[in-house]
Amino acid sequence: MGSDDFDAFVTLVGPDGTSVAEDDDGGEGTNARLVWRAEGGGMYIIRATTFQPEGRGAYHLVVQAGPLEE
């Protein structure tokens, strides 16, 4: 997740409603980058937000599947 307008923060919420991963500045500058491997099925939610509550503006979010390994 990246933005030129605010400090990006991304959280991944698992099927049970708890946060399973989060990132603030893992990307370039203040962009967030989250790499995560699913250990089971179910619905996951990506929360795209800001690090500071007053952060507002445009952002981009990219979701990409990695290689499948057995």
PDB file of N, CA and C in Angstrom:
ATOM      1  N   MET A   1       0.851  -1.163   0.000  1.00  0.00           N
ATOM      2  CA  MET A   1       0.000   0.000   0.000  1.00  0.00           C
ATOM      3  C   MET A   1       0.895   1.223   0.000  1.00  0.00           C
ATOM      4  N   GLY A   2       0.582   2.164  -0.870  1.00  0.00           N
ATOM      5  CA  GLY A   2       1.390   3.359  -0.941  1.00  0.00           C
ATOM      6  C   GLY A   2       0.555   4.610  -1.086  1.00  0.00           C
ATOM      7  N   SER A   3       1.103   5.720  -0.592  1.00  0.00           N
ATOM      8  CA  SER A   3       0.436   7.009  -0.705  1.00  0.00           C
ATOM      9  C   SER A   3       1.474   8.117  -0.656  1.00  0.00           C
ATOM     10  N   ASP A   4       1.248   9.142  -1.437  1.00  0.00           N
ATOM     11  CA  ASP A   4       2.054  10.357  -1.350  1.00  0.00           C
ATOM     12  C   ASP A   4       1.428  11.337  -0.362  1.00  0.00           C
ATOM     13  N   ASP A   5       0.224  11.014   0.147  1.00  0.00           N
ATOM     14  CA  ASP A   5      -0.534  11.928   0.999  1.00  0.00           C
ATOM     15  C   ASP A   5      -0.440  11.624   2.495  1.00  0.00           C
ATOM     16  N   PHE A   6      -0.140  10.377   2.869  1.00  0.00           N
ATOM     17  CA  PHE A   6      -0.115  10.003   4.283  1.00  0.00           C
ATOM     18  C   PHE A   6       0.778   8.789   4.498  1.00  0.00           C
ATOM     19  N   ASP A   7       1.043   8.476   5.761  1.00  0.00           N
ATOM     20  CA  ASP A   7       1.838   7.317   6.161  1.00  0.00           C
ATOM     21  C   ASP A   7       0.927   6.087   6.146  1.00  0.00           C
ATOM     22  N   ALA A   8       1.124   5.214   5.171  1.00  0.00           N
ATOM     23  CA  ALA A   8       0.249   4.055   4.963  1.00  0.00           C
ATOM     24  C   ALA A   8       0.431   2.995   6.052  1.00  0.00           C
ATOM     25  N   PHE A   9      -0.668   2.333   6.389  1.00  0.00           N
ATOM     26  CA  PHE A   9      -0.669   1.256   7.388  1.00  0.00           C
ATOM     27  C   PHE A   9      -1.663   0.200   6.913  1.00  0.00           C
ATOM     28  N   VAL A  10      -1.235  -1.044   6.860  1.00  0.00           N
ATOM     29  CA  VAL A  10      -2.112  -2.111   6.385  1.00  0.00           C
ATOM     30  C   VAL A  10      -2.159  -3.233   7.427  1.00  0.00           C
ATOM     31  N   THR A  11      -3.362  -3.769   7.626  1.00  0.00           N
ATOM     32  CA  THR A  11      -3.580  -4.868   8.574  1.00  0.00           C
ATOM     33  C   THR A  11      -4.325  -5.989   7.860  1.00  0.00           C
ATOM     34  N   LEU A  12      -3.941  -7.230   8.145  1.00  0.00           N
ATOM     35  CA  LEU A  12      -4.642  -8.389   7.617  1.00  0.00           C
ATOM     36  C   LEU A  12      -5.382  -9.049   8.771  1.00  0.00           C
ATOM     37  N   VAL A  13      -6.695  -9.201   8.610  1.00  0.00           N
ATOM     38  CA  VAL A  13      -7.554  -9.789   9.639  1.00  0.00           C
ATOM     39  C   VAL A  13      -7.948 -11.191   9.189  1.00  0.00           C
ATOM     40  N   GLY A  14      -7.751 -12.161  10.071  1.00  0.00           N
ATOM     41  CA  GLY A  14      -8.046 -13.556   9.753  1.00  0.00           C
ATOM     42  C   GLY A  14      -9.507 -13.905   9.899  1.00  0.00           C
ATOM     43  N   PRO A  15      -9.866 -15.140   9.543  1.00  0.00           N
ATOM     44  CA  PRO A  15     -11.256 -15.595   9.595  1.00  0.00           C
ATOM     45  C   PRO A  15     -11.896 -15.487  10.980  1.00  0.00           C
ATOM     46  N   ASP A  16     -11.080 -15.526  12.035  1.00  0.00           N
ATOM     47  CA  ASP A  16     -11.632 -15.443  13.394  1.00  0.00           C
ATOM     48  C   ASP A  16     -11.771 -14.006  13.886  1.00  0.00           C
ATOM     49  N   GLY A  17     -11.430 -13.022  13.036  1.00  0.00           N
ATOM     50  CA  GLY A  17     -11.591 -11.617  13.386  1.00  0.00           C
ATOM     51  C   GLY A  17     -10.399 -10.982  14.077  1.00  0.00           C
ATOM     52  N   THR A  18      -9.321 -11.735  14.247  1.00  0.00           N
ATOM     53  CA  THR A  18      -8.127 -11.173  14.876  1.00  0.00           C
ATOM     54  C   THR A  18      -7.093 -10.789  13.824  1.00  0.00           C
ATOM     55  N   SER A  19      -6.250  -9.839  14.175  1.00  0.00           N
ATOM     56  CA  SER A  19      -5.186  -9.404  13.278  1.00  0.00           C
ATOM     57  C   SER A  19      -4.116 -10.494  13.198  1.00  0.00           C
ATOM     58  N   VAL A  20      -3.791 -10.920  11.977  1.00  0.00           N
ATOM     59  CA  VAL A  20      -2.762 -11.947  11.798  1.00  0.00           C
ATOM     60  C   VAL A  20      -1.449 -11.347  11.306  1.00  0.00           C
ATOM     61  N   ALA A  21      -1.491 -10.136  10.749  1.00  0.00           N
ATOM     62  CA  ALA A  21      -0.284  -9.463  10.281  1.00  0.00           C
ATOM     63  C   ALA A  21      -0.591  -7.986  10.064  1.00  0.00           C
ATOM     64  N   GLU A  22       0.448  -7.144  10.217  1.00  0.00           N
ATOM     65  CA  GLU A  22       0.283  -5.715   9.938  1.00  0.00           C
ATOM     66  C   GLU A  22       1.639  -5.129   9.573  1.00  0.00           C
ATOM     67  N   ASP A  23       1.604  -3.992   8.877  1.00  0.00           N
ATOM     68  CA  ASP A  23       2.844  -3.322   8.509  1.00  0.00           C
ATOM     69  C   ASP A  23       2.608  -1.825   8.378  1.00  0.00           C
ATOM     70  N   ASP A  24       3.622  -1.070   8.760  1.00  0.00           N
ATOM     71  CA  ASP A  24       3.588   0.388   8.667  1.00  0.00           C
ATOM     72  C   ASP A  24       4.547   0.875   7.583  1.00  0.00           C
ATOM     73  N   ASP A  25       5.825   0.648   7.738  1.00  0.00           N
ATOM     74  CA  ASP A  25       6.820   1.204   6.822  1.00  0.00           C
ATOM     75  C   ASP A  25       7.683   0.143   6.138  1.00  0.00           C
ATOM     76  N   GLY A  26       7.121  -1.028   5.867  1.00  0.00           N
ATOM     77  CA  GLY A  26       7.880  -2.096   5.222  1.00  0.00           C
ATOM     78  C   GLY A  26       8.165  -1.853   3.758  1.00  0.00           C
ATOM     79  N   GLY A  27       7.458  -0.902   3.173  1.00  0.00           N
ATOM     80  CA  GLY A  27       7.700  -0.536   1.780  1.00  0.00           C
ATOM     81  C   GLY A  27       8.697   0.605   1.717  1.00  0.00           C
ATOM     82  N   GLU A  28       8.776   1.231   0.586  1.00  0.00           N
ATOM     83  CA  GLU A  28       9.685   2.352   0.401  1.00  0.00           C
ATOM     84  C   GLU A  28       9.149   3.592   1.114  1.00  0.00           C
ATOM     85  N   GLY A  29      10.004   4.292   1.851  1.00  0.00           N
ATOM     86  CA  GLY A  29       9.568   5.493   2.574  1.00  0.00           C
ATOM     87  C   GLY A  29       8.540   5.155   3.629  1.00  0.00           C
ATOM     88  N   THR A  30       7.395   5.821   3.579  1.00  0.00           N
ATOM     89  CA  THR A  30       6.329   5.559   4.553  1.00  0.00           C
ATOM     90  C   THR A  30       5.245   4.637   3.986  1.00  0.00           C
ATOM     91  N   ASN A  31       5.566   3.913   2.924  1.00  0.00           N
ATOM     92  CA  ASN A  31       4.618   2.955   2.349  1.00  0.00           C
ATOM     93  C   ASN A  31       4.651   1.648   3.128  1.00  0.00           C
ATOM     94  N   ALA A  32       3.529   0.953   3.156  1.00  0.00           N
ATOM     95  CA  ALA A  32       3.422  -0.325   3.855  1.00  0.00           C
ATOM     96  C   ALA A  32       3.618  -1.467   2.867  1.00  0.00           C
ATOM     97  N   ARG A  33       4.243  -2.538   3.343  1.00  0.00           N
ATOM     98  CA  ARG A  33       4.403  -3.743   2.524  1.00  0.00           C
ATOM     99  C   ARG A  33       4.242  -4.937   3.441  1.00  0.00           C
ATOM    100  N   LEU A  34       3.288  -5.778   3.108  1.00  0.00           N
ATOM    101  CA  LEU A  34       2.983  -6.935   3.928  1.00  0.00           C
ATOM    102  C   LEU A  34       3.116  -8.189   3.078  1.00  0.00           C
ATOM    103  N   VAL A  35       3.983  -9.100   3.491  1.00  0.00           N
ATOM    104  CA  VAL A  35       4.133 -10.394   2.828  1.00  0.00           C
ATOM    105  C   VAL A  35       3.682 -11.433   3.842  1.00  0.00           C
ATOM    106  N   TRP A  36       2.730 -12.243   3.443  1.00  0.00           N
ATOM    107  CA  TRP A  36       2.131 -13.174   4.391  1.00  0.00           C
ATOM    108  C   TRP A  36       1.724 -14.456   3.682  1.00  0.00           C
ATOM    109  N   ARG A  37       1.868 -15.591   4.358  1.00  0.00           N
ATOM    110  CA  ARG A  37       1.511 -16.890   3.800  1.00  0.00           C
ATOM    111  C   ARG A  37       0.326 -17.475   4.581  1.00  0.00           C
ATOM    112  N   ALA A  38      -0.748 -17.758   3.875  1.00  0.00           N
ATOM    113  CA  ALA A  38      -1.943 -18.335   4.498  1.00  0.00           C
ATOM    114  C   ALA A  38      -1.662 -19.752   4.976  1.00  0.00           C
ATOM    115  N   GLU A  39      -2.093 -20.041   6.185  1.00  0.00           N
ATOM    116  CA  GLU A  39      -1.918 -21.387   6.728  1.00  0.00           C
ATOM    117  C   GLU A  39      -3.215 -22.182   6.687  1.00  0.00           C
ATOM    118  N   GLY A  40      -4.294 -21.525   6.277  1.00  0.00           N
ATOM    119  CA  GLY A  40      -5.573 -22.208   6.201  1.00  0.00           C
ATOM    120  C   GLY A  40      -6.543 -21.402   5.357  1.00  0.00           C
ATOM    121  N   GLY A  41      -7.682 -21.996   5.090  1.00  0.00           N
ATOM    122  CA  GLY A  41      -8.689 -21.327   4.282  1.00  0.00           C
ATOM    123  C   GLY A  41      -9.526 -20.357   5.096  1.00  0.00           C
ATOM    124  N   GLY A  42     -10.476 -19.741   4.418  1.00  0.00           N
ATOM    125  CA  GLY A  42     -11.368 -18.802   5.081  1.00  0.00           C
ATOM    126  C   GLY A  42     -11.287 -17.429   4.461  1.00  0.00           C
ATOM    127  N   MET A  43     -12.103 -16.524   4.979  1.00  0.00           N
ATOM    128  CA  MET A  43     -12.129 -15.164   4.464  1.00  0.00           C
ATOM    129  C   MET A  43     -11.171 -14.290   5.272  1.00  0.00           C
ATOM    130  N   TYR A  44     -10.323 -13.561   4.561  1.00  0.00           N
ATOM    131  CA  TYR A  44      -9.391 -12.632   5.175  1.00  0.00           C
ATOM    132  C   TYR A  44      -9.759 -11.223   4.729  1.00  0.00           C
ATOM    133  N   ILE A  45      -9.577 -10.255   5.602  1.00  0.00           N
ATOM    134  CA  ILE A  45      -9.907  -8.864   5.307  1.00  0.00           C
ATOM    135  C   ILE A  45      -8.625  -8.047   5.334  1.00  0.00           C
ATOM    136  N   ILE A  46      -8.428  -7.214   4.321  1.00  0.00           N
ATOM    137  CA  ILE A  46      -7.302  -6.293   4.286  1.00  0.00           C
ATOM    138  C   ILE A  46      -7.822  -4.925   4.693  1.00  0.00           C
ATOM    139  N   ARG A  47      -7.263  -4.380   5.765  1.00  0.00           N
ATOM    140  CA  ARG A  47      -7.636  -3.031   6.216  1.00  0.00           C
ATOM    141  C   ARG A  47      -6.546  -2.069   5.782  1.00  0.00           C
ATOM    142  N   ALA A  48      -6.895  -1.173   4.879  1.00  0.00           N
ATOM    143  CA  ALA A  48      -5.978  -0.145   4.397  1.00  0.00           C
ATOM    144  C   ALA A  48      -6.304   1.145   5.127  1.00  0.00           C
ATOM    145  N   THR A  49      -5.349   1.660   5.889  1.00  0.00           N
ATOM    146  CA  THR A  49      -5.613   2.835   6.700  1.00  0.00           C
ATOM    147  C   THR A  49      -4.349   3.688   6.809  1.00  0.00           C
ATOM    148  N   THR A  50      -4.321   4.577   7.782  1.00  0.00           N
ATOM    149  CA  THR A  50      -3.175   5.458   7.979  1.00  0.00           C
ATOM    150  C   THR A  50      -2.548   5.198   9.342  1.00  0.00           C
ATOM    151  N   PHE A  51      -1.268   5.533   9.468  1.00  0.00           N
ATOM    152  CA  PHE A  51      -0.600   5.401  10.755  1.00  0.00           C
ATOM    153  C   PHE A  51      -1.089   6.476  11.725  1.00  0.00           C
ATOM    154  N   GLN A  52      -1.256   7.710  11.225  1.00  0.00           N
ATOM    155  CA  GLN A  52      -1.776   8.793  12.056  1.00  0.00           C
ATOM    156  C   GLN A  52      -3.277   8.949  11.806  1.00  0.00           C
ATOM    157  N   PRO A  53      -4.063   9.148  12.846  1.00  0.00           N
ATOM    158  CA  PRO A  53      -5.518   9.272  12.680  1.00  0.00           C
ATOM    159  C   PRO A  53      -5.943  10.412  11.747  1.00  0.00           C
ATOM    160  N   GLU A  54      -5.156  11.471  11.660  1.00  0.00           N
ATOM    161  CA  GLU A  54      -5.527  12.610  10.815  1.00  0.00           C
ATOM    162  C   GLU A  54      -5.130  12.411   9.350  1.00  0.00           C
ATOM    163  N   GLY A  55      -4.484  11.304   9.014  1.00  0.00           N
ATOM    164  CA  GLY A  55      -4.050  11.057   7.636  1.00  0.00           C
ATOM    165  C   GLY A  55      -5.217  10.900   6.684  1.00  0.00           C
ATOM    166  N   ARG A  56      -5.166  11.592   5.559  1.00  0.00           N
ATOM    167  CA  ARG A  56      -6.222  11.529   4.534  1.00  0.00           C
ATOM    168  C   ARG A  56      -5.570  11.659   3.164  1.00  0.00           C
ATOM    169  N   GLY A  57      -6.232  11.116   2.150  1.00  0.00           N
ATOM    170  CA  GLY A  57      -5.759  11.318   0.795  1.00  0.00           C
ATOM    171  C   GLY A  57      -5.854  10.063  -0.048  1.00  0.00           C
ATOM    172  N   ALA A  58      -5.279  10.164  -1.207  1.00  0.00           N
ATOM    173  CA  ALA A  58      -5.296   9.067  -2.179  1.00  0.00           C
ATOM    174  C   ALA A  58      -4.251   8.013  -1.808  1.00  0.00           C
ATOM    175  N   TYR A  59      -4.526   6.780  -2.184  1.00  0.00           N
ATOM    176  CA  TYR A  59      -3.571   5.687  -1.974  1.00  0.00           C
ATOM    177  C   TYR A  59      -3.780   4.630  -3.044  1.00  0.00           C
ATOM    178  N   HIS A  60      -2.822   3.719  -3.154  1.00  0.00           N
ATOM    179  CA  HIS A  60      -2.989   2.568  -4.036  1.00  0.00           C
ATOM    180  C   HIS A  60      -2.664   1.310  -3.238  1.00  0.00           C
ATOM    181  N   LEU A  61      -3.399   0.261  -3.544  1.00  0.00           N
ATOM    182  CA  LEU A  61      -3.238  -1.013  -2.856  1.00  0.00           C
ATOM    183  C   LEU A  61      -3.098  -2.096  -3.916  1.00  0.00           C
ATOM    184  N   VAL A  62      -2.054  -2.893  -3.796  1.00  0.00           N
ATOM    185  CA  VAL A  62      -1.815  -3.985  -4.734  1.00  0.00           C
ATOM    186  C   VAL A  62      -1.842  -5.282  -3.943  1.00  0.00           C
ATOM    187  N   VAL A  63      -2.633  -6.246  -4.405  1.00  0.00           N
ATOM    188  CA  VAL A  63      -2.676  -7.575  -3.809  1.00  0.00           C
ATOM    189  C   VAL A  63      -2.196  -8.558  -4.865  1.00  0.00           C
ATOM    190  N   GLN A  64      -1.196  -9.344  -4.514  1.00  0.00           N
ATOM    191  CA  GLN A  64      -0.593 -10.233  -5.492  1.00  0.00           C
ATOM    192  C   GLN A  64      -0.398 -11.609  -4.886  1.00  0.00           C
ATOM    193  N   ALA A  65      -0.790 -12.652  -5.611  1.00  0.00           N
ATOM    194  CA  ALA A  65      -0.578 -14.023  -5.154  1.00  0.00           C
ATOM    195  C   ALA A  65       0.852 -14.418  -5.440  1.00  0.00           C
ATOM    196  N   GLY A  66       1.429 -15.128  -4.497  1.00  0.00           N
ATOM    197  CA  GLY A  66       2.789 -15.633  -4.675  1.00  0.00           C
ATOM    198  C   GLY A  66       2.756 -17.030  -5.255  1.00  0.00           C
ATOM    199  N   PRO A  67       3.912 -17.633  -5.399  1.00  0.00           N
ATOM    200  CA  PRO A  67       3.968 -19.002  -5.938  1.00  0.00           C
ATOM    201  C   PRO A  67       3.354 -20.003  -4.969  1.00  0.00           C
ATOM    202  N   LEU A  68       2.675 -20.976  -5.498  1.00  0.00           N
ATOM    203  CA  LEU A  68       2.093 -22.028  -4.676  1.00  0.00           C
ATOM    204  C   LEU A  68       3.142 -23.112  -4.459  1.00  0.00           C
ATOM    205  N   GLU A  69       3.322 -23.500  -3.214  1.00  0.00           N
ATOM    206  CA  GLU A  69       4.279 -24.550  -2.888  1.00  0.00           C
ATOM    207  C   GLU A  69       3.557 -25.657  -2.166  1.00  0.00           C
ATOM    208  N   GLU A  70       3.955 -26.846  -2.412  1.00  0.00           N
ATOM    209  CA  GLU A  70       3.340 -28.015  -1.767  1.00  0.00           C
ATOM    210  C   GLU A  70       4.086 -28.356  -0.520  1.00  0.00           C
TER     211      GLU A  70
END
